């Protein structure tokens, strides 16, 4: 399952762009175009604190909502309309490379 994050700085910048340009479209998906899987996100969190991640597989016959708070679908939005007005976002770096070079 993939996740999509968005920096609050980019959200504020995008709101300023909307106020300035006043586009005809009034509904926008906002988010970083890059995605990361839940497993990759957990691995990144462990790496940041210097720990090794360990994963346990859950029997697929057990409904995911019994042990995980999110529904079994990806939270990935089409941000192409956002990108037409604001093509650059803060977090364009590959996640692993950014953590390795900036945080570890």
PDB file of N, CA and C in Angstrom:
ATOM      1  N   UNK A   1       0.844  -1.166   0.000  1.00  0.00           N
ATOM      2  CA  UNK A   1       0.000   0.000   0.000  1.00  0.00           C
ATOM      3  C   UNK A   1       0.896   1.238   0.000  1.00  0.00           C
ATOM      4  N   UNK A   2       0.588   2.184  -0.860  1.00  0.00           N
ATOM      5  CA  UNK A   2       1.395   3.395  -0.985  1.00  0.00           C
ATOM      6  C   UNK A   2       0.787   4.555  -0.206  1.00  0.00           C
ATOM      7  N   UNK A   3       1.670   5.430   0.263  1.00  0.00           N
ATOM      8  CA  UNK A   3       1.273   6.651   0.949  1.00  0.00           C
ATOM      9  C   UNK A   3       1.840   7.832   0.172  1.00  0.00           C
ATOM     10  N   UNK A   4       1.210   8.972   0.324  1.00  0.00           N
ATOM     11  CA  UNK A   4       1.635  10.174  -0.377  1.00  0.00           C
ATOM     12  C   UNK A   4       1.627  11.320   0.640  1.00  0.00           C
ATOM     13  N   UNK A   5       2.766  11.947   0.815  1.00  0.00           N
ATOM     14  CA  UNK A   5       2.877  13.019   1.790  1.00  0.00           C
ATOM     15  C   UNK A   5       2.927  14.369   1.097  1.00  0.00           C
ATOM     16  N   UNK A   6       2.716  15.429   1.881  1.00  0.00           N
ATOM     17  CA  UNK A   6       2.745  16.777   1.338  1.00  0.00           C
ATOM     18  C   UNK A   6       3.237  17.703   2.430  1.00  0.00           C
ATOM     19  N   UNK A   7       4.250  18.461   2.132  1.00  0.00           N
ATOM     20  CA  UNK A   7       4.838  19.377   3.097  1.00  0.00           C
ATOM     21  C   UNK A   7       3.897  20.553   3.326  1.00  0.00           C
ATOM     22  N   UNK A   8       3.721  20.950   4.580  1.00  0.00           N
ATOM     23  CA  UNK A   8       2.809  22.055   4.887  1.00  0.00           C
ATOM     24  C   UNK A   8       3.282  23.354   4.229  1.00  0.00           C
ATOM     25  N   UNK A   9       4.578  23.504   4.048  1.00  0.00           N
ATOM     26  CA  UNK A   9       5.104  24.673   3.331  1.00  0.00           C
ATOM     27  C   UNK A   9       4.553  24.706   1.902  1.00  0.00           C
ATOM     28  N   UNK A  10       4.530  23.557   1.241  1.00  0.00           N
ATOM     29  CA  UNK A  10       3.987  23.488  -0.117  1.00  0.00           C
ATOM     30  C   UNK A  10       2.491  23.779  -0.126  1.00  0.00           C
ATOM     31  N   UNK A  11       1.781  23.324   0.872  1.00  0.00           N
ATOM     32  CA  UNK A  11       0.352  23.601   0.957  1.00  0.00           C
ATOM     33  C   UNK A  11       0.113  25.105   1.066  1.00  0.00           C
ATOM     34  N   UNK A  12       0.879  25.785   1.894  1.00  0.00           N
ATOM     35  CA  UNK A  12       0.740  27.240   2.031  1.00  0.00           C
ATOM     36  C   UNK A  12       1.094  27.945   0.727  1.00  0.00           C
ATOM     37  N   UNK A  13       2.172  27.503   0.079  1.00  0.00           N
ATOM     38  CA  UNK A  13       2.548  28.093  -1.213  1.00  0.00           C
ATOM     39  C   UNK A  13       1.437  27.901  -2.234  1.00  0.00           C
ATOM     40  N   UNK A  14       0.838  26.693  -2.241  1.00  0.00           N
ATOM     41  CA  UNK A  14      -0.214  26.420  -3.220  1.00  0.00           C
ATOM     42  C   UNK A  14      -1.441  27.297  -2.948  1.00  0.00           C
ATOM     43  N   UNK A  15      -1.776  27.501  -1.696  1.00  0.00           N
ATOM     44  CA  UNK A  15      -2.908  28.377  -1.366  1.00  0.00           C
ATOM     45  C   UNK A  15      -2.628  29.806  -1.835  1.00  0.00           C
ATOM     46  N   UNK A  16      -1.399  30.270  -1.687  1.00  0.00           N
ATOM     47  CA  UNK A  16      -1.036  31.609  -2.184  1.00  0.00           C
ATOM     48  C   UNK A  16      -1.179  31.682  -3.707  1.00  0.00           C
ATOM     49  N   UNK A  17      -0.759  30.631  -4.390  1.00  0.00           N
ATOM     50  CA  UNK A  17      -0.897  30.582  -5.852  1.00  0.00           C
ATOM     51  C   UNK A  17      -2.366  30.634  -6.256  1.00  0.00           C
ATOM     52  N   UNK A  18      -3.214  29.907  -5.545  1.00  0.00           N
ATOM     53  CA  UNK A  18      -4.649  29.910  -5.857  1.00  0.00           C
ATOM     54  C   UNK A  18      -5.251  31.301  -5.655  1.00  0.00           C
ATOM     55  N   UNK A  19      -4.849  31.967  -4.575  1.00  0.00           N
ATOM     56  CA  UNK A  19      -5.363  33.316  -4.310  1.00  0.00           C
ATOM     57  C   UNK A  19      -4.896  34.279  -5.393  1.00  0.00           C
ATOM     58  N   UNK A  20      -3.646  34.149  -5.781  1.00  0.00           N
ATOM     59  CA  UNK A  20      -3.070  35.048  -6.791  1.00  0.00           C
ATOM     60  C   UNK A  20      -3.649  34.804  -8.178  1.00  0.00           C
ATOM     61  N   UNK A  21      -3.710  33.546  -8.602  1.00  0.00           N
ATOM     62  CA  UNK A  21      -4.110  33.225  -9.981  1.00  0.00           C
ATOM     63  C   UNK A  21      -5.615  33.047 -10.158  1.00  0.00           C
ATOM     64  N   UNK A  22      -6.318  32.741  -9.097  1.00  0.00           N
ATOM     65  CA  UNK A  22      -7.764  32.521  -9.130  1.00  0.00           C
ATOM     66  C   UNK A  22      -8.194  31.661 -10.317  1.00  0.00           C
ATOM     67  N   UNK A  23      -7.730  30.420 -10.364  1.00  0.00           N
ATOM     68  CA  UNK A  23      -8.062  29.543 -11.500  1.00  0.00           C
ATOM     69  C   UNK A  23      -9.556  29.200 -11.535  1.00  0.00           C
ATOM     70  N   UNK A  24     -10.018  28.826 -12.713  1.00  0.00           N
ATOM     71  CA  UNK A  24     -11.423  28.432 -12.866  1.00  0.00           C
ATOM     72  C   UNK A  24     -11.737  27.190 -12.051  1.00  0.00           C
ATOM     73  N   UNK A  25     -10.789  26.261 -12.011  1.00  0.00           N
ATOM     74  CA  UNK A  25     -10.977  25.044 -11.231  1.00  0.00           C
ATOM     75  C   UNK A  25     -10.884  25.400  -9.747  1.00  0.00           C
ATOM     76  N   UNK A  26     -11.850  24.943  -8.950  1.00  0.00           N
ATOM     77  CA  UNK A  26     -11.864  25.252  -7.521  1.00  0.00           C
ATOM     78  C   UNK A  26     -11.590  24.037  -6.648  1.00  0.00           C
ATOM     79  N   UNK A  27     -11.348  22.899  -7.265  1.00  0.00           N
ATOM     80  CA  UNK A  27     -11.094  21.673  -6.511  1.00  0.00           C
ATOM     81  C   UNK A  27      -9.768  21.092  -6.988  1.00  0.00           C
ATOM     82  N   UNK A  28      -8.857  20.859  -6.032  1.00  0.00           N
ATOM     83  CA  UNK A  28      -7.541  20.328  -6.364  1.00  0.00           C
ATOM     84  C   UNK A  28      -7.160  19.230  -5.385  1.00  0.00           C
ATOM     85  N   UNK A  29      -6.591  18.161  -5.899  1.00  0.00           N
ATOM     86  CA  UNK A  29      -5.880  17.212  -5.058  1.00  0.00           C
ATOM     87  C   UNK A  29      -4.505  17.804  -4.820  1.00  0.00           C
ATOM     88  N   UNK A  30      -4.022  17.730  -3.601  1.00  0.00           N
ATOM     89  CA  UNK A  30      -2.680  18.230  -3.312  1.00  0.00           C
ATOM     90  C   UNK A  30      -1.862  17.100  -2.707  1.00  0.00           C
ATOM     91  N   UNK A  31      -0.606  17.060  -3.076  1.00  0.00           N
ATOM     92  CA  UNK A  31       0.281  16.042  -2.540  1.00  0.00           C
ATOM     93  C   UNK A  31       1.579  16.020  -3.308  1.00  0.00           C
ATOM     94  N   UNK A  32       2.538  15.362  -2.740  1.00  0.00           N
ATOM     95  CA  UNK A  32       3.809  15.159  -3.404  1.00  0.00           C
ATOM     96  C   UNK A  32       3.599  14.105  -4.476  1.00  0.00           C
ATOM     97  N   UNK A  33       4.182  14.286  -5.636  1.00  0.00           N
ATOM     98  CA  UNK A  33       4.050  13.301  -6.705  1.00  0.00           C
ATOM     99  C   UNK A  33       4.731  11.986  -6.382  1.00  0.00           C
ATOM    100  N   UNK A  34       5.708  12.015  -5.479  1.00  0.00           N
ATOM    101  CA  UNK A  34       6.401  10.790  -5.072  1.00  0.00           C
ATOM    102  C   UNK A  34       5.598  10.059  -4.016  1.00  0.00           C
ATOM    103  N   UNK A  35       5.658   8.750  -4.066  1.00  0.00           N
ATOM    104  CA  UNK A  35       4.969   7.945  -3.063  1.00  0.00           C
ATOM    105  C   UNK A  35       5.964   7.014  -2.384  1.00  0.00           C
ATOM    106  N   UNK A  36       5.546   6.483  -1.260  1.00  0.00           N
ATOM    107  CA  UNK A  36       6.353   5.524  -0.513  1.00  0.00           C
ATOM    108  C   UNK A  36       5.390   4.472   0.034  1.00  0.00           C
ATOM    109  N   UNK A  37       5.819   3.215   0.067  1.00  0.00           N
ATOM    110  CA  UNK A  37       4.941   2.176   0.613  1.00  0.00           C
ATOM    111  C   UNK A  37       4.963   2.239   2.136  1.00  0.00           C
ATOM    112  N   UNK A  38       3.970   1.651   2.747  1.00  0.00           N
ATOM    113  CA  UNK A  38       3.920   1.596   4.208  1.00  0.00           C
ATOM    114  C   UNK A  38       5.172   0.906   4.748  1.00  0.00           C
ATOM    115  N   UNK A  39       5.575  -0.159   4.095  1.00  0.00           N
ATOM    116  CA  UNK A  39       6.781  -0.877   4.536  1.00  0.00           C
ATOM    117  C   UNK A  39       8.026   0.005   4.418  1.00  0.00           C
ATOM    118  N   UNK A  40       8.174   0.717   3.284  1.00  0.00           N
ATOM    119  CA  UNK A  40       9.309   1.621   3.119  1.00  0.00           C
ATOM    120  C   UNK A  40       9.290   2.721   4.187  1.00  0.00           C
ATOM    121  N   UNK A  41       8.104   3.259   4.486  1.00  0.00           N
ATOM    122  CA  UNK A  41       7.967   4.304   5.495  1.00  0.00           C
ATOM    123  C   UNK A  41       8.408   3.787   6.861  1.00  0.00           C
ATOM    124  N   UNK A  42       7.959   2.584   7.212  1.00  0.00           N
ATOM    125  CA  UNK A  42       8.374   1.995   8.492  1.00  0.00           C
ATOM    126  C   UNK A  42       9.888   1.783   8.523  1.00  0.00           C
ATOM    127  N   UNK A  43      10.454   1.288   7.427  1.00  0.00           N
ATOM    128  CA  UNK A  43      11.906   1.097   7.363  1.00  0.00           C
ATOM    129  C   UNK A  43      12.645   2.419   7.538  1.00  0.00           C
ATOM    130  N   UNK A  44      12.145   3.474   6.916  1.00  0.00           N
ATOM    131  CA  UNK A  44      12.763   4.791   7.058  1.00  0.00           C
ATOM    132  C   UNK A  44      12.713   5.275   8.505  1.00  0.00           C
ATOM    133  N   UNK A  45      11.574   5.091   9.141  1.00  0.00           N
ATOM    134  CA  UNK A  45      11.436   5.512  10.541  1.00  0.00           C
ATOM    135  C   UNK A  45      12.425   4.769  11.429  1.00  0.00           C
ATOM    136  N   UNK A  46      12.571   3.476  11.235  1.00  0.00           N
ATOM    137  CA  UNK A  46      13.531   2.697  12.008  1.00  0.00           C
ATOM    138  C   UNK A  46      14.958   3.154  11.722  1.00  0.00           C
ATOM    139  N   UNK A  47      15.280   3.382  10.450  1.00  0.00           N
ATOM    140  CA  UNK A  47      16.642   3.802  10.085  1.00  0.00           C
ATOM    141  C   UNK A  47      17.013   5.122  10.738  1.00  0.00           C
ATOM    142  N   UNK A  48      16.061   6.045  10.821  1.00  0.00           N
ATOM    143  CA  UNK A  48      16.331   7.359  11.401  1.00  0.00           C
ATOM    144  C   UNK A  48      16.757   7.235  12.859  1.00  0.00           C
ATOM    145  N   UNK A  49      16.165   6.299  13.583  1.00  0.00           N
ATOM    146  CA  UNK A  49      16.522   6.134  15.001  1.00  0.00           C
ATOM    147  C   UNK A  49      17.590   5.067  15.204  1.00  0.00           C
ATOM    148  N   UNK A  50      18.194   4.602  14.099  1.00  0.00           N
ATOM    149  CA  UNK A  50      19.303   3.661  14.194  1.00  0.00           C
ATOM    150  C   UNK A  50      18.907   2.247  14.575  1.00  0.00           C
ATOM    151  N   UNK A  51      17.700   1.859  14.256  1.00  0.00           N
ATOM    152  CA  UNK A  51      17.218   0.513  14.578  1.00  0.00           C
ATOM    153  C   UNK A  51      17.011  -0.284  13.296  1.00  0.00           C
ATOM    154  N   UNK A  52      16.986  -1.580  13.434  1.00  0.00           N
ATOM    155  CA  UNK A  52      16.699  -2.452  12.300  1.00  0.00           C
ATOM    156  C   UNK A  52      15.228  -2.850  12.351  1.00  0.00           C
ATOM    157  N   UNK A  53      14.563  -2.723  11.234  1.00  0.00           N
ATOM    158  CA  UNK A  53      13.141  -3.062  11.196  1.00  0.00           C
ATOM    159  C   UNK A  53      12.960  -4.571  11.083  1.00  0.00           C
ATOM    160  N   UNK A  54      11.849  -5.035  11.609  1.00  0.00           N
ATOM    161  CA  UNK A  54      11.473  -6.453  11.503  1.00  0.00           C
ATOM    162  C   UNK A  54       9.979  -6.488  11.184  1.00  0.00           C
ATOM    163  N   UNK A  55       9.611  -7.356  10.276  1.00  0.00           N
ATOM    164  CA  UNK A  55       8.220  -7.432   9.846  1.00  0.00           C
ATOM    165  C   UNK A  55       7.681  -8.838  10.038  1.00  0.00           C
ATOM    166  N   UNK A  56       6.403  -8.909  10.334  1.00  0.00           N
ATOM    167  CA  UNK A  56       5.713 -10.180  10.496  1.00  0.00           C
ATOM    168  C   UNK A  56       4.553 -10.195   9.518  1.00  0.00           C
ATOM    169  N   UNK A  57       4.436 -11.242   8.750  1.00  0.00           N
ATOM    170  CA  UNK A  57       3.321 -11.364   7.820  1.00  0.00           C
ATOM    171  C   UNK A  57       2.072 -11.800   8.573  1.00  0.00           C
ATOM    172  N   UNK A  58       0.949 -11.239   8.165  1.00  0.00           N
ATOM    173  CA  UNK A  58      -0.335 -11.561   8.777  1.00  0.00           C
ATOM    174  C   UNK A  58      -1.114 -12.421   7.801  1.00  0.00           C
ATOM    175  N   UNK A  59      -1.751 -13.445   8.320  1.00  0.00           N
ATOM    176  CA  UNK A  59      -2.578 -14.332   7.508  1.00  0.00           C
ATOM    177  C   UNK A  59      -3.598 -13.507   6.728  1.00  0.00           C
ATOM    178  N   UNK A  60      -3.622 -13.663   5.411  1.00  0.00           N
ATOM    179  CA  UNK A  60      -4.497 -12.855   4.551  1.00  0.00           C
ATOM    180  C   UNK A  60      -5.988 -13.106   4.808  1.00  0.00           C
ATOM    181  N   UNK A  61      -6.318 -14.159   5.524  1.00  0.00           N
ATOM    182  CA  UNK A  61      -7.727 -14.419   5.817  1.00  0.00           C
ATOM    183  C   UNK A  61      -8.238 -13.520   6.955  1.00  0.00           C
ATOM    184  N   UNK A  62      -7.336 -12.854   7.668  1.00  0.00           N
ATOM    185  CA  UNK A  62      -7.738 -11.937   8.733  1.00  0.00           C
ATOM    186  C   UNK A  62      -7.938 -10.549   8.131  1.00  0.00           C
ATOM    187  N   UNK A  63      -9.117  -9.955   8.293  1.00  0.00           N
ATOM    188  CA  UNK A  63      -9.362  -8.636   7.712  1.00  0.00           C
ATOM    189  C   UNK A  63      -8.366  -7.596   8.240  1.00  0.00           C
ATOM    190  N   UNK A  64      -7.799  -6.829   7.326  1.00  0.00           N
ATOM    191  CA  UNK A  64      -6.778  -5.846   7.680  1.00  0.00           C
ATOM    192  C   UNK A  64      -7.270  -4.859   8.739  1.00  0.00           C
ATOM    193  N   UNK A  65      -8.517  -4.476   8.675  1.00  0.00           N
ATOM    194  CA  UNK A  65      -9.044  -3.491   9.630  1.00  0.00           C
ATOM    195  C   UNK A  65      -9.049  -4.019  11.062  1.00  0.00           C
ATOM    196  N   UNK A  66      -8.861  -5.312  11.248  1.00  0.00           N
ATOM    197  CA  UNK A  66      -8.780  -5.854  12.601  1.00  0.00           C
ATOM    198  C   UNK A  66      -7.476  -5.475  13.298  1.00  0.00           C
ATOM    199  N   UNK A  67      -6.433  -5.153  12.535  1.00  0.00           N
ATOM    200  CA  UNK A  67      -5.132  -4.862  13.136  1.00  0.00           C
ATOM    201  C   UNK A  67      -4.463  -3.600  12.593  1.00  0.00           C
ATOM    202  N   UNK A  68      -5.043  -2.947  11.591  1.00  0.00           N
ATOM    203  CA  UNK A  68      -4.435  -1.766  10.997  1.00  0.00           C
ATOM    204  C   UNK A  68      -5.522  -0.723  10.777  1.00  0.00           C
ATOM    205  N   UNK A  69      -5.252   0.517  11.141  1.00  0.00           N
ATOM    206  CA  UNK A  69      -6.305   1.541  11.160  1.00  0.00           C
ATOM    207  C   UNK A  69      -6.765   2.014   9.783  1.00  0.00           C
ATOM    208  N   UNK A  70      -5.982   1.792   8.734  1.00  0.00           N
ATOM    209  CA  UNK A  70      -6.365   2.260   7.408  1.00  0.00           C
ATOM    210  C   UNK A  70      -7.078   1.161   6.623  1.00  0.00           C
ATOM    211  N   UNK A  71      -7.982   1.582   5.758  1.00  0.00           N
ATOM    212  CA  UNK A  71      -8.599   0.631   4.846  1.00  0.00           C
ATOM    213  C   UNK A  71      -7.565   0.148   3.844  1.00  0.00           C
ATOM    214  N   UNK A  72      -7.825  -0.986   3.221  1.00  0.00           N
ATOM    215  CA  UNK A  72      -6.883  -1.591   2.286  1.00  0.00           C
ATOM    216  C   UNK A  72      -7.004  -0.940   0.904  1.00  0.00           C
ATOM    217  N   UNK A  73      -6.602   0.314   0.822  1.00  0.00           N
ATOM    218  CA  UNK A  73      -6.483   0.983  -0.466  1.00  0.00           C
ATOM    219  C   UNK A  73      -5.399   2.043  -0.356  1.00  0.00           C
ATOM    220  N   UNK A  74      -4.853   2.395  -1.492  1.00  0.00           N
ATOM    221  CA  UNK A  74      -3.736   3.321  -1.514  1.00  0.00           C
ATOM    222  C   UNK A  74      -4.227   4.763  -1.441  1.00  0.00           C
ATOM    223  N   UNK A  75      -3.506   5.542  -0.683  1.00  0.00           N
ATOM    224  CA  UNK A  75      -3.811   6.950  -0.528  1.00  0.00           C
ATOM    225  C   UNK A  75      -2.941   7.759  -1.493  1.00  0.00           C
ATOM    226  N   UNK A  76      -3.185   7.599  -2.774  1.00  0.00           N
ATOM    227  CA  UNK A  76      -2.397   8.286  -3.791  1.00  0.00           C
ATOM    228  C   UNK A  76      -3.364   9.094  -4.658  1.00  0.00           C
ATOM    229  N   UNK A  77      -3.102  10.380  -4.720  1.00  0.00           N
ATOM    230  CA  UNK A  77      -3.972  11.280  -5.464  1.00  0.00           C
ATOM    231  C   UNK A  77      -3.342  11.681  -6.790  1.00  0.00           C
ATOM    232  N   UNK A  78      -4.185  11.975  -7.763  1.00  0.00           N
ATOM    233  CA  UNK A  78      -3.724  12.538  -9.023  1.00  0.00           C
ATOM    234  C   UNK A  78      -3.506  14.031  -8.782  1.00  0.00           C
ATOM    235  N   UNK A  79      -2.254  14.450  -8.761  1.00  0.00           N
ATOM    236  CA  UNK A  79      -1.921  15.844  -8.460  1.00  0.00           C
ATOM    237  C   UNK A  79      -1.520  16.619  -9.722  1.00  0.00           C
ATOM    238  N   UNK A  80      -1.944  16.148 -10.876  1.00  0.00           N
ATOM    239  CA  UNK A  80      -1.551  16.797 -12.130  1.00  0.00           C
ATOM    240  C   UNK A  80      -2.073  18.230 -12.223  1.00  0.00           C
ATOM    241  N   UNK A  81      -3.273  18.510 -11.734  1.00  0.00           N
ATOM    242  CA  UNK A  81      -3.816  19.874 -11.777  1.00  0.00           C
ATOM    243  C   UNK A  81      -3.030  20.788 -10.843  1.00  0.00           C
ATOM    244  N   UNK A  82      -2.633  20.274  -9.699  1.00  0.00           N
ATOM    245  CA  UNK A  82      -1.776  21.039  -8.789  1.00  0.00           C
ATOM    246  C   UNK A  82      -0.453  21.359  -9.477  1.00  0.00           C
ATOM    247  N   UNK A  83       0.123  20.363 -10.147  1.00  0.00           N
ATOM    248  CA  UNK A  83       1.418  20.543 -10.794  1.00  0.00           C
ATOM    249  C   UNK A  83       1.377  21.538 -11.952  1.00  0.00           C
ATOM    250  N   UNK A  84       0.202  21.722 -12.559  1.00  0.00           N
ATOM    251  CA  UNK A  84       0.076  22.727 -13.617  1.00  0.00           C
ATOM    252  C   UNK A  84       0.292  24.135 -13.064  1.00  0.00           C
ATOM    253  N   UNK A  85      -0.093  24.347 -11.800  1.00  0.00           N
ATOM    254  CA  UNK A  85       0.063  25.660 -11.174  1.00  0.00           C
ATOM    255  C   UNK A  85       1.333  25.764 -10.332  1.00  0.00           C
ATOM    256  N   UNK A  86       1.796  24.647  -9.797  1.00  0.00           N
ATOM    257  CA  UNK A  86       2.980  24.633  -8.937  1.00  0.00           C
ATOM    258  C   UNK A  86       3.735  23.335  -9.207  1.00  0.00           C
ATOM    259  N   UNK A  87       4.707  23.419 -10.077  1.00  0.00           N
ATOM    260  CA  UNK A  87       5.371  22.195 -10.533  1.00  0.00           C
ATOM    261  C   UNK A  87       6.424  21.665  -9.567  1.00  0.00           C
ATOM    262  N   UNK A  88       6.918  22.495  -8.673  1.00  0.00           N
ATOM    263  CA  UNK A  88       7.964  22.035  -7.758  1.00  0.00           C
ATOM    264  C   UNK A  88       7.422  21.943  -6.336  1.00  0.00           C
ATOM    265  N   UNK A  89       7.848  20.927  -5.629  1.00  0.00           N
ATOM    266  CA  UNK A  89       7.500  20.783  -4.221  1.00  0.00           C
ATOM    267  C   UNK A  89       8.777  20.563  -3.434  1.00  0.00           C
ATOM    268  N   UNK A  90       8.682  20.809  -2.142  1.00  0.00           N
ATOM    269  CA  UNK A  90       9.850  20.708  -1.264  1.00  0.00           C
ATOM    270  C   UNK A  90      10.453  19.316  -1.292  1.00  0.00           C
ATOM    271  N   UNK A  91       9.638  18.304  -1.235  1.00  0.00           N
ATOM    272  CA  UNK A  91      10.134  16.954  -1.027  1.00  0.00           C
ATOM    273  C   UNK A  91      10.256  16.176  -2.332  1.00  0.00           C
ATOM    274  N   UNK A  92      11.045  16.656  -3.262  1.00  0.00           N
ATOM    275  CA  UNK A  92      11.254  15.956  -4.526  1.00  0.00           C
ATOM    276  C   UNK A  92      12.409  14.972  -4.461  1.00  0.00           C
ATOM    277  N   UNK A  93      13.128  14.942  -3.341  1.00  0.00           N
ATOM    278  CA  UNK A  93      14.274  14.037  -3.221  1.00  0.00           C
ATOM    279  C   UNK A  93      13.785  12.609  -2.997  1.00  0.00           C
ATOM    280  N   UNK A  94      14.496  11.620  -3.499  1.00  0.00           N
ATOM    281  CA  UNK A  94      14.155  10.241  -3.147  1.00  0.00           C
ATOM    282  C   UNK A  94      14.291  10.062  -1.630  1.00  0.00           C
ATOM    283  N   UNK A  95      13.320   9.447  -1.002  1.00  0.00           N
ATOM    284  CA  UNK A  95      13.272   9.358   0.451  1.00  0.00           C
ATOM    285  C   UNK A  95      14.527   8.737   1.058  1.00  0.00           C
ATOM    286  N   UNK A  96      14.933   7.575   0.572  1.00  0.00           N
ATOM    287  CA  UNK A  96      16.091   6.902   1.158  1.00  0.00           C
ATOM    288  C   UNK A  96      17.349   7.742   0.984  1.00  0.00           C
ATOM    289  N   UNK A  97      17.561   8.301  -0.188  1.00  0.00           N
ATOM    290  CA  UNK A  97      18.744   9.123  -0.429  1.00  0.00           C
ATOM    291  C   UNK A  97      18.741  10.358   0.471  1.00  0.00           C
ATOM    292  N   UNK A  98      17.585  10.976   0.631  1.00  0.00           N
ATOM    293  CA  UNK A  98      17.503  12.160   1.476  1.00  0.00           C
ATOM    294  C   UNK A  98      17.857  11.814   2.917  1.00  0.00           C
ATOM    295  N   UNK A  99      17.304  10.738   3.431  1.00  0.00           N
ATOM    296  CA  UNK A  99      17.606  10.345   4.816  1.00  0.00           C
ATOM    297  C   UNK A  99      19.071  10.003   4.972  1.00  0.00           C
ATOM    298  N   UNK A 100      19.614   9.251   4.024  1.00  0.00           N
ATOM    299  CA  UNK A 100      21.027   8.872   4.104  1.00  0.00           C
ATOM    300  C   UNK A 100      21.939  10.095   4.082  1.00  0.00           C
ATOM    301  N   UNK A 101      21.633  11.073   3.250  1.00  0.00           N
ATOM    302  CA  UNK A 101      22.536  12.211   3.088  1.00  0.00           C
ATOM    303  C   UNK A 101      22.284  13.344   4.081  1.00  0.00           C
ATOM    304  N   UNK A 102      21.048  13.472   4.589  1.00  0.00           N
ATOM    305  CA  UNK A 102      20.709  14.618   5.425  1.00  0.00           C
ATOM    306  C   UNK A 102      20.431  14.283   6.877  1.00  0.00           C
ATOM    307  N   UNK A 103      19.977  13.077   7.161  1.00  0.00           N
ATOM    308  CA  UNK A 103      19.509  12.788   8.509  1.00  0.00           C
ATOM    309  C   UNK A 103      20.364  11.777   9.289  1.00  0.00           C
ATOM    310  N   UNK A 104      21.122  10.962   8.596  1.00  0.00           N
ATOM    311  CA  UNK A 104      21.924   9.965   9.314  1.00  0.00           C
ATOM    312  C   UNK A 104      23.344  10.444   9.512  1.00  0.00           C
TER     313      UNK A 104
END
